[in-house]
PDB file of N, CA and C in Angstrom:
ATOM      1  N   UNK A   1     -98.894  30.293 -42.644  1.00  0.00           N
ATOM      2  CA  UNK A   1     -97.664  29.626 -42.224  1.00  0.00           C
ATOM      3  C   UNK A   1     -97.694  29.444 -40.712  1.00  0.00           C
ATOM      4  N   UNK A   2     -97.374  28.252 -40.286  1.00  0.00           N
ATOM      5  CA  UNK A   2     -97.249  27.954 -38.861  1.00  0.00           C
ATOM      6  C   UNK A   2     -95.770  27.747 -38.571  1.00  0.00           C
ATOM      7  N   UNK A   3     -95.267  28.485 -37.587  1.00  0.00           N
ATOM      8  CA  UNK A   3     -93.871  28.264 -37.197  1.00  0.00           C
ATOM      9  C   UNK A   3     -93.853  27.570 -35.845  1.00  0.00           C
ATOM     10  N   UNK A   4     -92.826  26.772 -35.659  1.00  0.00           N
ATOM     11  CA  UNK A   4     -92.699  25.946 -34.450  1.00  0.00           C
ATOM     12  C   UNK A   4     -91.423  26.317 -33.717  1.00  0.00           C
ATOM     13  N   UNK A   5     -91.564  26.523 -32.408  1.00  0.00           N
ATOM     14  CA  UNK A   5     -90.443  26.900 -31.552  1.00  0.00           C
ATOM     15  C   UNK A   5     -90.314  25.849 -30.458  1.00  0.00           C
ATOM     16  N   UNK A   6     -89.118  25.324 -30.286  1.00  0.00           N
ATOM     17  CA  UNK A   6     -88.866  24.330 -29.252  1.00  0.00           C
ATOM     18  C   UNK A   6     -88.476  25.029 -27.952  1.00  0.00           C
ATOM     19  N   UNK A   7     -89.232  24.721 -26.887  1.00  0.00           N
ATOM     20  CA  UNK A   7     -88.998  25.316 -25.572  1.00  0.00           C
ATOM     21  C   UNK A   7     -88.572  24.250 -24.579  1.00  0.00           C
ATOM     22  N   UNK A   8     -87.861  24.678 -23.536  1.00  0.00           N
ATOM     23  CA  UNK A   8     -87.381  23.772 -22.495  1.00  0.00           C
ATOM     24  C   UNK A   8     -87.630  24.407 -21.140  1.00  0.00           C
ATOM     25  N   UNK A   9     -88.023  23.562 -20.158  1.00  0.00           N
ATOM     26  CA  UNK A   9     -88.140  24.085 -18.796  1.00  0.00           C
ATOM     27  C   UNK A   9     -86.859  23.751 -18.033  1.00  0.00           C
ATOM     28  N   UNK A  10     -86.798  24.127 -16.782  1.00  0.00           N
ATOM     29  CA  UNK A  10     -85.573  23.932 -15.987  1.00  0.00           C
ATOM     30  C   UNK A  10     -85.259  22.461 -15.718  1.00  0.00           C
ATOM     31  N   UNK A  11     -86.260  21.584 -15.867  1.00  0.00           N
ATOM     32  CA  UNK A  11     -86.045  20.147 -15.671  1.00  0.00           C
ATOM     33  C   UNK A  11     -85.755  19.436 -16.980  1.00  0.00           C
ATOM     34  N   UNK A  12     -85.473  20.208 -18.026  1.00  0.00           N
ATOM     35  CA  UNK A  12     -85.208  19.687 -19.364  1.00  0.00           C
ATOM     36  C   UNK A  12     -86.385  18.900 -19.939  1.00  0.00           C
ATOM     37  N   UNK A  13     -87.580  19.367 -19.643  1.00  0.00           N
ATOM     38  CA  UNK A  13     -88.781  18.867 -20.317  1.00  0.00           C
ATOM     39  C   UNK A  13     -89.007  19.785 -21.509  1.00  0.00           C
ATOM     40  N   UNK A  14     -89.407  19.196 -22.639  1.00  0.00           N
ATOM     41  CA  UNK A  14     -89.511  19.960 -23.873  1.00  0.00           C
ATOM     42  C   UNK A  14     -90.961  20.094 -24.321  1.00  0.00           C
ATOM     43  N   UNK A  15     -91.219  21.207 -25.007  1.00  0.00           N
ATOM     44  CA  UNK A  15     -92.537  21.543 -25.534  1.00  0.00           C
ATOM     45  C   UNK A  15     -92.330  22.149 -26.913  1.00  0.00           C
ATOM     46  N   UNK A  16     -93.183  21.777 -27.863  1.00  0.00           N
ATOM     47  CA  UNK A  16     -93.164  22.423 -29.165  1.00  0.00           C
ATOM     48  C   UNK A  16     -94.321  23.412 -29.209  1.00  0.00           C
ATOM     49  N   UNK A  17     -93.997  24.677 -29.368  1.00  0.00           N
ATOM     50  CA  UNK A  17     -95.002  25.740 -29.400  1.00  0.00           C
ATOM     51  C   UNK A  17     -95.163  26.222 -30.838  1.00  0.00           C
ATOM     52  N   UNK A  18     -96.393  26.167 -31.346  1.00  0.00           N
ATOM     53  CA  UNK A  18     -96.660  26.503 -32.744  1.00  0.00           C
ATOM     54  C   UNK A  18     -97.590  27.706 -32.818  1.00  0.00           C
ATOM     55  N   UNK A  19     -97.186  28.697 -33.614  1.00  0.00           N
ATOM     56  CA  UNK A  19     -97.929  29.951 -33.729  1.00  0.00           C
ATOM     57  C   UNK A  19     -97.965  30.375 -35.201  1.00  0.00           C
ATOM     58  N   UNK A  20     -98.886  31.281 -35.548  1.00  0.00           N
ATOM     59  CA  UNK A  20     -98.860  31.817 -36.919  1.00  0.00           C
ATOM     60  C   UNK A  20     -97.502  32.449 -37.220  1.00  0.00           C
ATOM     61  N   UNK A  21     -97.098  32.374 -38.473  1.00  0.00           N
ATOM     62  CA  UNK A  21     -95.773  32.836 -38.873  1.00  0.00           C
ATOM     63  C   UNK A  21     -95.472  34.288 -38.588  1.00  0.00           C
ATOM     64  N   UNK A  22     -96.501  35.124 -38.474  1.00  0.00           N
ATOM     65  CA  UNK A  22     -96.273  36.545 -38.218  1.00  0.00           C
ATOM     66  C   UNK A  22     -96.360  36.902 -36.736  1.00  0.00           C
ATOM     67  N   UNK A  23     -96.422  35.898 -35.883  1.00  0.00           N
ATOM     68  CA  UNK A  23     -96.556  36.130 -34.439  1.00  0.00           C
ATOM     69  C   UNK A  23     -95.346  35.551 -33.713  1.00  0.00           C
ATOM     70  N   UNK A  24     -95.205  35.879 -32.433  1.00  0.00           N
ATOM     71  CA  UNK A  24     -94.115  35.381 -31.588  1.00  0.00           C
ATOM     72  C   UNK A  24     -94.683  34.535 -30.459  1.00  0.00           C
ATOM     73  N   UNK A  25     -93.972  33.481 -30.106  1.00  0.00           N
ATOM     74  CA  UNK A  25     -94.348  32.668 -28.950  1.00  0.00           C
ATOM     75  C   UNK A  25     -93.993  33.441 -27.686  1.00  0.00           C
ATOM     76  N   UNK A  26     -94.857  33.361 -26.695  1.00  0.00           N
ATOM     77  CA  UNK A  26     -94.573  33.940 -25.385  1.00  0.00           C
ATOM     78  C   UNK A  26     -94.280  32.787 -24.421  1.00  0.00           C
ATOM     79  N   UNK A  27     -93.001  32.489 -24.156  1.00  0.00           N
ATOM     80  CA  UNK A  27     -92.659  31.378 -23.263  1.00  0.00           C
ATOM     81  C   UNK A  27     -93.295  31.492 -21.878  1.00  0.00           C
ATOM     82  N   UNK A  28     -93.542  32.713 -21.426  1.00  0.00           N
ATOM     83  CA  UNK A  28     -94.172  32.896 -20.107  1.00  0.00           C
ATOM     84  C   UNK A  28     -95.595  32.332 -20.089  1.00  0.00           C
ATOM     85  N   UNK A  29     -96.310  32.484 -21.196  1.00  0.00           N
ATOM     86  CA  UNK A  29     -97.667  31.943 -21.259  1.00  0.00           C
ATOM     87  C   UNK A  29     -97.639  30.416 -21.250  1.00  0.00           C
ATOM     88  N   UNK A  30     -96.698  29.814 -21.970  1.00  0.00           N
ATOM     89  CA  UNK A  30     -96.571  28.349 -21.975  1.00  0.00           C
ATOM     90  C   UNK A  30     -96.180  27.873 -20.575  1.00  0.00           C
ATOM     91  N   UNK A  31     -95.248  28.560 -19.963  1.00  0.00           N
ATOM     92  CA  UNK A  31     -94.805  28.228 -18.604  1.00  0.00           C
ATOM     93  C   UNK A  31     -95.979  28.247 -17.634  1.00  0.00           C
ATOM     94  N   UNK A  32     -96.811  29.250 -17.726  1.00  0.00           N
ATOM     95  CA  UNK A  32     -97.952  29.368 -16.821  1.00  0.00           C
ATOM     96  C   UNK A  32     -98.927  28.204 -17.001  1.00  0.00           C
ATOM     97  N   UNK A  33     -99.182  27.808 -18.240  1.00  0.00           N
ATOM     98  CA  UNK A  33    -100.077  26.684 -18.522  1.00  0.00           C
ATOM     99  C   UNK A  33     -99.530  25.394 -17.920  1.00  0.00           C
ATOM    100  N   UNK A  34     -98.213  25.199 -18.034  1.00  0.00           N
ATOM    101  CA  UNK A  34     -97.583  23.974 -17.547  1.00  0.00           C
ATOM    102  C   UNK A  34     -97.179  24.048 -16.075  1.00  0.00           C
ATOM    103  N   UNK A  35     -97.359  25.214 -15.481  1.00  0.00           N
ATOM    104  CA  UNK A  35     -96.997  25.419 -14.080  1.00  0.00           C
ATOM    105  C   UNK A  35     -95.498  25.168 -13.847  1.00  0.00           C
ATOM    106  N   UNK A  36     -94.682  25.726 -14.731  1.00  0.00           N
ATOM    107  CA  UNK A  36     -93.223  25.609 -14.633  1.00  0.00           C
ATOM    108  C   UNK A  36     -92.656  26.913 -14.079  1.00  0.00           C
ATOM    109  N   UNK A  37     -91.474  26.823 -13.496  1.00  0.00           N
ATOM    110  CA  UNK A  37     -90.813  28.020 -12.985  1.00  0.00           C
ATOM    111  C   UNK A  37     -90.203  28.855 -14.098  1.00  0.00           C
ATOM    112  N   UNK A  38     -89.712  28.202 -15.143  1.00  0.00           N
ATOM    113  CA  UNK A  38     -89.037  28.925 -16.220  1.00  0.00           C
ATOM    114  C   UNK A  38     -89.176  28.140 -17.509  1.00  0.00           C
ATOM    115  N   UNK A  39     -89.310  28.842 -18.615  1.00  0.00           N
ATOM    116  CA  UNK A  39     -89.422  28.211 -19.922  1.00  0.00           C
ATOM    117  C   UNK A  39     -88.635  29.076 -20.898  1.00  0.00           C
ATOM    118  N   UNK A  40     -87.670  28.467 -21.595  1.00  0.00           N
ATOM    119  CA  UNK A  40     -86.834  29.222 -22.522  1.00  0.00           C
ATOM    120  C   UNK A  40     -86.739  28.486 -23.851  1.00  0.00           C
ATOM    121  N   UNK A  41     -86.289  29.199 -24.865  1.00  0.00           N
ATOM    122  CA  UNK A  41     -86.054  28.576 -26.164  1.00  0.00           C
ATOM    123  C   UNK A  41     -84.837  27.663 -26.061  1.00  0.00           C
ATOM    124  N   UNK A  42     -84.912  26.539 -26.741  1.00  0.00           N
ATOM    125  CA  UNK A  42     -83.799  25.584 -26.765  1.00  0.00           C
ATOM    126  C   UNK A  42     -82.656  26.188 -27.581  1.00  0.00           C
ATOM    127  N   UNK A  43     -81.448  25.945 -27.141  1.00  0.00           N
ATOM    128  CA  UNK A  43     -80.266  26.424 -27.860  1.00  0.00           C
ATOM    129  C   UNK A  43     -80.264  25.882 -29.288  1.00  0.00           C
ATOM    130  N   UNK A  44     -79.852  26.734 -30.191  1.00  0.00           N
ATOM    131  CA  UNK A  44     -79.810  26.395 -31.616  1.00  0.00           C
ATOM    132  C   UNK A  44     -79.114  25.053 -31.882  1.00  0.00           C
ATOM    133  N   UNK A  45     -77.993  24.811 -31.220  1.00  0.00           N
ATOM    134  CA  UNK A  45     -77.219  23.589 -31.458  1.00  0.00           C
ATOM    135  C   UNK A  45     -77.937  22.326 -30.982  1.00  0.00           C
ATOM    136  N   UNK A  46     -78.905  22.464 -30.075  1.00  0.00           N
ATOM    137  CA  UNK A  46     -79.596  21.298 -29.525  1.00  0.00           C
ATOM    138  C   UNK A  46     -80.872  20.928 -30.279  1.00  0.00           C
ATOM    139  N   UNK A  47     -81.385  21.831 -31.098  1.00  0.00           N
ATOM    140  CA  UNK A  47     -82.674  21.591 -31.763  1.00  0.00           C
ATOM    141  C   UNK A  47     -82.619  20.339 -32.634  1.00  0.00           C
ATOM    142  N   UNK A  48     -81.602  20.200 -33.460  1.00  0.00           N
ATOM    143  CA  UNK A  48     -81.546  19.060 -34.374  1.00  0.00           C
ATOM    144  C   UNK A  48     -81.404  17.736 -33.625  1.00  0.00           C
ATOM    145  N   UNK A  49     -80.605  17.690 -32.584  1.00  0.00           N
ATOM    146  CA  UNK A  49     -80.435  16.432 -31.856  1.00  0.00           C
ATOM    147  C   UNK A  49     -81.726  16.022 -31.139  1.00  0.00           C
ATOM    148  N   UNK A  50     -82.542  16.986 -30.766  1.00  0.00           N
ATOM    149  CA  UNK A  50     -83.790  16.682 -30.057  1.00  0.00           C
ATOM    150  C   UNK A  50     -84.961  16.375 -30.983  1.00  0.00           C
ATOM    151  N   UNK A  51     -84.959  16.983 -32.177  1.00  0.00           N
ATOM    152  CA  UNK A  51     -86.120  16.854 -33.064  1.00  0.00           C
ATOM    153  C   UNK A  51     -85.824  16.167 -34.393  1.00  0.00           C
ATOM    154  N   UNK A  52     -84.552  16.090 -34.761  1.00  0.00           N
ATOM    155  CA  UNK A  52     -84.208  15.560 -36.078  1.00  0.00           C
ATOM    156  C   UNK A  52     -84.312  16.613 -37.167  1.00  0.00           C
ATOM    157  N   UNK A  53     -84.708  17.824 -36.816  1.00  0.00           N
ATOM    158  CA  UNK A  53     -84.865  18.917 -37.785  1.00  0.00           C
ATOM    159  C   UNK A  53     -83.972  20.077 -37.395  1.00  0.00           C
ATOM    160  N   UNK A  54     -83.517  20.809 -38.400  1.00  0.00           N
ATOM    161  CA  UNK A  54     -82.712  21.981 -38.101  1.00  0.00           C
ATOM    162  C   UNK A  54     -83.612  23.202 -37.910  1.00  0.00           C
ATOM    163  N   UNK A  55     -83.042  24.255 -37.353  1.00  0.00           N
ATOM    164  CA  UNK A  55     -83.780  25.506 -37.174  1.00  0.00           C
ATOM    165  C   UNK A  55     -84.385  25.906 -38.519  1.00  0.00           C
ATOM    166  N   UNK A  56     -85.628  26.322 -38.490  1.00  0.00           N
ATOM    167  CA  UNK A  56     -86.317  26.735 -39.717  1.00  0.00           C
ATOM    168  C   UNK A  56     -87.053  25.609 -40.403  1.00  0.00           C
ATOM    169  N   UNK A  57     -86.880  24.377 -39.903  1.00  0.00           N
ATOM    170  CA  UNK A  57     -87.565  23.246 -40.535  1.00  0.00           C
ATOM    171  C   UNK A  57     -88.367  22.423 -39.532  1.00  0.00           C
ATOM    172  N   UNK A  58     -88.530  22.939 -38.314  1.00  0.00           N
ATOM    173  CA  UNK A  58     -89.279  22.194 -37.297  1.00  0.00           C
ATOM    174  C   UNK A  58     -90.712  21.970 -37.744  1.00  0.00           C
ATOM    175  N   UNK A  59     -91.208  20.789 -37.490  1.00  0.00           N
ATOM    176  CA  UNK A  59     -92.574  20.432 -37.848  1.00  0.00           C
ATOM    177  C   UNK A  59     -93.209  19.723 -36.658  1.00  0.00           C
ATOM    178  N   UNK A  60     -94.515  19.896 -36.467  1.00  0.00           N
ATOM    179  CA  UNK A  60     -95.170  19.188 -35.367  1.00  0.00           C
ATOM    180  C   UNK A  60     -95.470  17.723 -35.692  1.00  0.00           C
ATOM    181  N   UNK A  61     -95.089  17.289 -36.875  1.00  0.00           N
ATOM    182  CA  UNK A  61     -95.356  15.913 -37.301  1.00  0.00           C
ATOM    183  C   UNK A  61     -94.115  15.041 -37.123  1.00  0.00           C
ATOM    184  N   UNK A  62     -94.330  13.820 -36.725  1.00  0.00           N
ATOM    185  CA  UNK A  62     -93.276  12.798 -36.656  1.00  0.00           C
ATOM    186  C   UNK A  62     -92.087  13.184 -35.786  1.00  0.00           C
ATOM    187  N   UNK A  63     -92.350  13.757 -34.636  1.00  0.00           N
ATOM    188  CA  UNK A  63     -91.256  14.060 -33.711  1.00  0.00           C
ATOM    189  C   UNK A  63     -90.654  12.756 -33.192  1.00  0.00           C
ATOM    190  N   UNK A  64     -89.345  12.670 -33.049  1.00  0.00           N
ATOM    191  CA  UNK A  64     -88.709  11.422 -32.632  1.00  0.00           C
ATOM    192  C   UNK A  64     -88.900  11.084 -31.152  1.00  0.00           C
ATOM    193  N   UNK A  65     -89.394  12.033 -30.371  1.00  0.00           N
ATOM    194  CA  UNK A  65     -89.633  11.789 -28.946  1.00  0.00           C
ATOM    195  C   UNK A  65     -90.922  12.499 -28.564  1.00  0.00           C
ATOM    196  N   UNK A  66     -91.542  11.999 -27.507  1.00  0.00           N
ATOM    197  CA  UNK A  66     -92.776  12.641 -27.060  1.00  0.00           C
ATOM    198  C   UNK A  66     -92.475  14.012 -26.457  1.00  0.00           C
ATOM    199  N   UNK A  67     -93.298  14.966 -26.792  1.00  0.00           N
ATOM    200  CA  UNK A  67     -93.310  16.263 -26.118  1.00  0.00           C
ATOM    201  C   UNK A  67     -94.683  16.869 -26.373  1.00  0.00           C
ATOM    202  N   UNK A  68     -95.210  17.602 -25.398  1.00  0.00           N
ATOM    203  CA  UNK A  68     -96.484  18.272 -25.636  1.00  0.00           C
ATOM    204  C   UNK A  68     -96.345  19.257 -26.801  1.00  0.00           C
ATOM    205  N   UNK A  69     -97.387  19.344 -27.592  1.00  0.00           N
ATOM    206  CA  UNK A  69     -97.437  20.288 -28.703  1.00  0.00           C
ATOM    207  C   UNK A  69     -98.532  21.298 -28.391  1.00  0.00           C
ATOM    208  N   UNK A  70     -98.168  22.570 -28.400  1.00  0.00           N
ATOM    209  CA  UNK A  70     -99.119  23.649 -28.175  1.00  0.00           C
ATOM    210  C   UNK A  70     -99.352  24.387 -29.478  1.00  0.00           C
ATOM    211  N   UNK A  71    -100.601  24.674 -29.773  1.00  0.00           N
ATOM    212  CA  UNK A  71    -100.951  25.544 -30.895  1.00  0.00           C
ATOM    213  C   UNK A  71    -101.640  26.771 -30.324  1.00  0.00           C
ATOM    214  N   UNK A  72    -101.232  27.938 -30.799  1.00  0.00           N
ATOM    215  CA  UNK A  72    -102.000  29.118 -30.435  1.00  0.00           C
ATOM    216  C   UNK A  72    -103.365  28.997 -31.099  1.00  0.00           C
ATOM    217  N   UNK A  73    -104.403  29.357 -30.360  1.00  0.00           N
ATOM    218  CA  UNK A  73    -105.761  29.197 -30.859  1.00  0.00           C
ATOM    219  C   UNK A  73    -106.018  29.981 -32.141  1.00  0.00           C
ATOM    220  N   UNK A  74    -105.229  31.018 -32.423  1.00  0.00           N
ATOM    221  CA  UNK A  74    -105.444  31.803 -33.645  1.00  0.00           C
ATOM    222  C   UNK A  74    -105.137  31.013 -34.914  1.00  0.00           C
ATOM    223  N   UNK A  75    -104.413  29.916 -34.801  1.00  0.00           N
ATOM    224  CA  UNK A  75    -104.165  29.052 -35.968  1.00  0.00           C
ATOM    225  C   UNK A  75    -105.489  28.528 -36.522  1.00  0.00           C
ATOM    226  N   UNK A  76    -106.465  28.343 -35.649  1.00  0.00           N
ATOM    227  CA  UNK A  76    -107.765  27.817 -36.068  1.00  0.00           C
ATOM    228  C   UNK A  76    -108.546  28.770 -36.959  1.00  0.00           C
ATOM    229  N   UNK A  77    -108.137  30.019 -37.021  1.00  0.00           N
ATOM    230  CA  UNK A  77    -108.851  31.005 -37.835  1.00  0.00           C
ATOM    231  C   UNK A  77    -108.619  30.814 -39.326  1.00  0.00           C
ATOM    232  N   UNK A  78    -107.594  30.055 -39.681  1.00  0.00           N
ATOM    233  CA  UNK A  78    -107.272  29.815 -41.089  1.00  0.00           C
ATOM    234  C   UNK A  78    -107.790  28.441 -41.513  1.00  0.00           C
ATOM    235  N   UNK A  79    -108.489  28.351 -42.635  1.00  0.00           N
ATOM    236  CA  UNK A  79    -108.984  27.042 -43.080  1.00  0.00           C
ATOM    237  C   UNK A  79    -107.862  26.114 -43.559  1.00  0.00           C
ATOM    238  N   UNK A  80    -106.764  26.725 -44.032  1.00  0.00           N
ATOM    239  CA  UNK A  80    -105.621  25.954 -44.523  1.00  0.00           C
ATOM    240  C   UNK A  80    -104.354  26.630 -44.025  1.00  0.00           C
ATOM    241  N   UNK A  81    -103.351  25.822 -43.694  1.00  0.00           N
ATOM    242  CA  UNK A  81    -102.069  26.350 -43.220  1.00  0.00           C
ATOM    243  C   UNK A  81    -100.927  25.640 -43.936  1.00  0.00           C
ATOM    244  N   UNK A  82     -99.758  26.239 -43.855  1.00  0.00           N
ATOM    245  CA  UNK A  82     -98.549  25.573 -44.330  1.00  0.00           C
ATOM    246  C   UNK A  82     -97.638  25.367 -43.135  1.00  0.00           C
ATOM    247  N   UNK A  83     -96.960  24.248 -43.138  1.00  0.00           N
ATOM    248  CA  UNK A  83     -95.983  23.925 -42.105  1.00  0.00           C
ATOM    249  C   UNK A  83     -94.720  23.459 -42.794  1.00  0.00           C
ATOM    250  N   UNK A  84     -93.658  23.403 -42.055  1.00  0.00           N
ATOM    251  CA  UNK A  84     -92.407  22.883 -42.601  1.00  0.00           C
ATOM    252  C   UNK A  84     -92.540  21.383 -42.821  1.00  0.00           C
ATOM    253  N   UNK A  85     -91.826  20.906 -43.786  1.00  0.00           N
ATOM    254  CA  UNK A  85     -91.805  19.469 -44.073  1.00  0.00           C
ATOM    255  C   UNK A  85     -90.634  18.789 -43.374  1.00  0.00           C
ATOM    256  N   UNK A  86     -89.803  19.581 -42.710  1.00  0.00           N
ATOM    257  CA  UNK A  86     -88.571  19.052 -42.134  1.00  0.00           C
ATOM    258  C   UNK A  86     -87.388  19.309 -43.041  1.00  0.00           C
ATOM    259  N   UNK A  87     -87.647  19.930 -44.190  1.00  0.00           N
ATOM    260  CA  UNK A  87     -86.611  20.247 -45.170  1.00  0.00           C
ATOM    261  C   UNK A  87     -86.673  21.735 -45.480  1.00  0.00           C
ATOM    262  N   UNK A  88     -85.530  22.329 -45.755  1.00  0.00           N
ATOM    263  CA  UNK A  88     -85.502  23.729 -46.169  1.00  0.00           C
ATOM    264  C   UNK A  88     -86.056  23.918 -47.577  1.00  0.00           C
ATOM    265  N   UNK A  89     -86.197  22.831 -48.324  1.00  0.00           N
ATOM    266  CA  UNK A  89     -86.585  22.920 -49.724  1.00  0.00           C
ATOM    267  C   UNK A  89     -88.088  22.818 -49.971  1.00  0.00           C
ATOM    268  N   UNK A  90     -88.870  22.414 -48.963  1.00  0.00           N
ATOM    269  CA  UNK A  90     -90.301  22.215 -49.217  1.00  0.00           C
ATOM    270  C   UNK A  90     -91.109  22.394 -47.952  1.00  0.00           C
ATOM    271  N   UNK A  91     -92.346  22.782 -48.140  1.00  0.00           N
ATOM    272  CA  UNK A  91     -93.301  22.881 -47.049  1.00  0.00           C
ATOM    273  C   UNK A  91     -94.490  21.987 -47.345  1.00  0.00           C
ATOM    274  N   UNK A  92     -95.450  21.980 -46.444  1.00  0.00           N
ATOM    275  CA  UNK A  92     -96.656  21.171 -46.606  1.00  0.00           C
ATOM    276  C   UNK A  92     -97.859  22.080 -46.378  1.00  0.00           C
ATOM    277  N   UNK A  93     -98.797  22.063 -47.314  1.00  0.00           N
ATOM    278  CA  UNK A  93    -100.054  22.786 -47.139  1.00  0.00           C
ATOM    279  C   UNK A  93    -101.129  21.752 -46.812  1.00  0.00           C
ATOM    280  N   UNK A  94    -101.915  22.030 -45.785  1.00  0.00           N
ATOM    281  CA  UNK A  94    -102.995  21.120 -45.426  1.00  0.00           C
ATOM    282  C   UNK A  94    -104.102  21.869 -44.706  1.00  0.00           C
ATOM    283  N   UNK A  95    -105.256  21.245 -44.652  1.00  0.00           N
ATOM    284  CA  UNK A  95    -106.378  21.840 -43.943  1.00  0.00           C
ATOM    285  C   UNK A  95    -106.023  21.911 -42.458  1.00  0.00           C
ATOM    286  N   UNK A  96    -106.394  23.003 -41.841  1.00  0.00           N
ATOM    287  CA  UNK A  96    -106.090  23.197 -40.422  1.00  0.00           C
ATOM    288  C   UNK A  96    -106.692  22.077 -39.582  1.00  0.00           C
ATOM    289  N   UNK A  97    -107.912  21.674 -39.889  1.00  0.00           N
ATOM    290  CA  UNK A  97    -108.542  20.583 -39.137  1.00  0.00           C
ATOM    291  C   UNK A  97    -107.743  19.290 -39.247  1.00  0.00           C
ATOM    292  N   UNK A  98    -107.170  19.026 -40.417  1.00  0.00           N
ATOM    293  CA  UNK A  98    -106.357  17.820 -40.588  1.00  0.00           C
ATOM    294  C   UNK A  98    -105.083  17.901 -39.733  1.00  0.00           C
ATOM    295  N   UNK A  99    -104.463  19.077 -39.698  1.00  0.00           N
ATOM    296  CA  UNK A  99    -103.265  19.249 -38.875  1.00  0.00           C
ATOM    297  C   UNK A  99    -103.600  19.042 -37.397  1.00  0.00           C
ATOM    298  N   UNK A 100    -104.718  19.575 -36.960  1.00  0.00           N
ATOM    299  CA  UNK A 100    -105.150  19.400 -35.567  1.00  0.00           C
ATOM    300  C   UNK A 100    -105.360  17.917 -35.267  1.00  0.00           C
ATOM    301  N   UNK A 101    -105.996  17.214 -36.179  1.00  0.00           N
ATOM    302  CA  UNK A 101    -106.228  15.776 -35.977  1.00  0.00           C
ATOM    303  C   UNK A 101    -104.924  14.983 -35.944  1.00  0.00           C
ATOM    304  N   UNK A 102    -103.957  15.368 -36.752  1.00  0.00           N
ATOM    305  CA  UNK A 102    -102.673  14.658 -36.786  1.00  0.00           C
ATOM    306  C   UNK A 102    -101.819  14.912 -35.541  1.00  0.00           C
ATOM    307  N   UNK A 103    -101.862  16.137 -35.038  1.00  0.00           N
ATOM    308  CA  UNK A 103    -100.967  16.524 -33.934  1.00  0.00           C
ATOM    309  C   UNK A 103    -101.594  16.406 -32.555  1.00  0.00           C
ATOM    310  N   UNK A 104    -102.909  16.489 -32.480  1.00  0.00           N
ATOM    311  CA  UNK A 104    -103.622  16.509 -31.187  1.00  0.00           C
ATOM    312  C   UNK A 104    -102.973  17.515 -30.229  1.00  0.00           C
ATOM    313  N   UNK A 105    -102.855  18.772 -30.645  1.00  0.00           N
ATOM    314  CA  UNK A 105    -102.177  19.772 -29.814  1.00  0.00           C
ATOM    315  C   UNK A 105    -103.057  20.266 -28.668  1.00  0.00           C
ATOM    316  N   UNK A 106    -102.412  20.916 -27.733  1.00  0.00           N
ATOM    317  CA  UNK A 106    -103.100  21.677 -26.701  1.00  0.00           C
ATOM    318  C   UNK A 106    -103.318  23.061 -27.284  1.00  0.00           C
ATOM    319  N   UNK A 107    -104.568  23.494 -27.344  1.00  0.00           N
ATOM    320  CA  UNK A 107    -104.895  24.812 -27.894  1.00  0.00           C
ATOM    321  C   UNK A 107    -104.938  25.823 -26.756  1.00  0.00           C
ATOM    322  N   UNK A 108    -104.204  26.927 -26.939  1.00  0.00           N
ATOM    323  CA  UNK A 108    -104.122  27.933 -25.883  1.00  0.00           C
ATOM    324  C   UNK A 108    -103.658  29.263 -26.468  1.00  0.00           C
ATOM    325  N   UNK A 109    -103.765  30.302 -25.681  1.00  0.00           N
ATOM    326  CA  UNK A 109    -103.242  31.609 -26.053  1.00  0.00           C
ATOM    327  C   UNK A 109    -101.763  31.627 -25.669  1.00  0.00           C
ATOM    328  N   UNK A 110    -100.873  31.458 -26.661  1.00  0.00           N
ATOM    329  CA  UNK A 110     -99.439  31.399 -26.376  1.00  0.00           C
ATOM    330  C   UNK A 110     -98.630  32.440 -27.135  1.00  0.00           C
ATOM    331  N   UNK A 111     -99.308  33.385 -27.803  1.00  0.00           N
ATOM    332  CA  UNK A 111     -98.605  34.433 -28.544  1.00  0.00           C
ATOM    333  C   UNK A 111     -98.367  35.657 -27.681  1.00  0.00           C
ATOM    334  N   UNK A 112     -97.330  36.404 -28.042  1.00  0.00           N
ATOM    335  CA  UNK A 112     -97.086  37.708 -27.412  1.00  0.00           C
ATOM    336  C   UNK A 112     -98.075  38.701 -27.959  1.00  0.00           C
TER     337      UNK A 112
END
């Protein structure tokens, strides 16, 4: 399972950080990569207006606006992953390589 967390810097630039479901995103690591002063999780009420998805259904596919997508490099250790479909009722299973090709993420160490 890949979970996606929406982050924001102080200039209201957004980043989607994706990590294995049993891990936590470290906003400080993302901030350091982007050379930002501060990076925090987006407020719950703002997630849907920014992504079209509610909390728990964020997906790195078909985002309505451009934002960098980061994947923790440990996602590559799994040959197949599941991601949210954008609905609470269903997920999507696909080959990790296919997900990488679809999202073109920045691969980095972003877990705590």
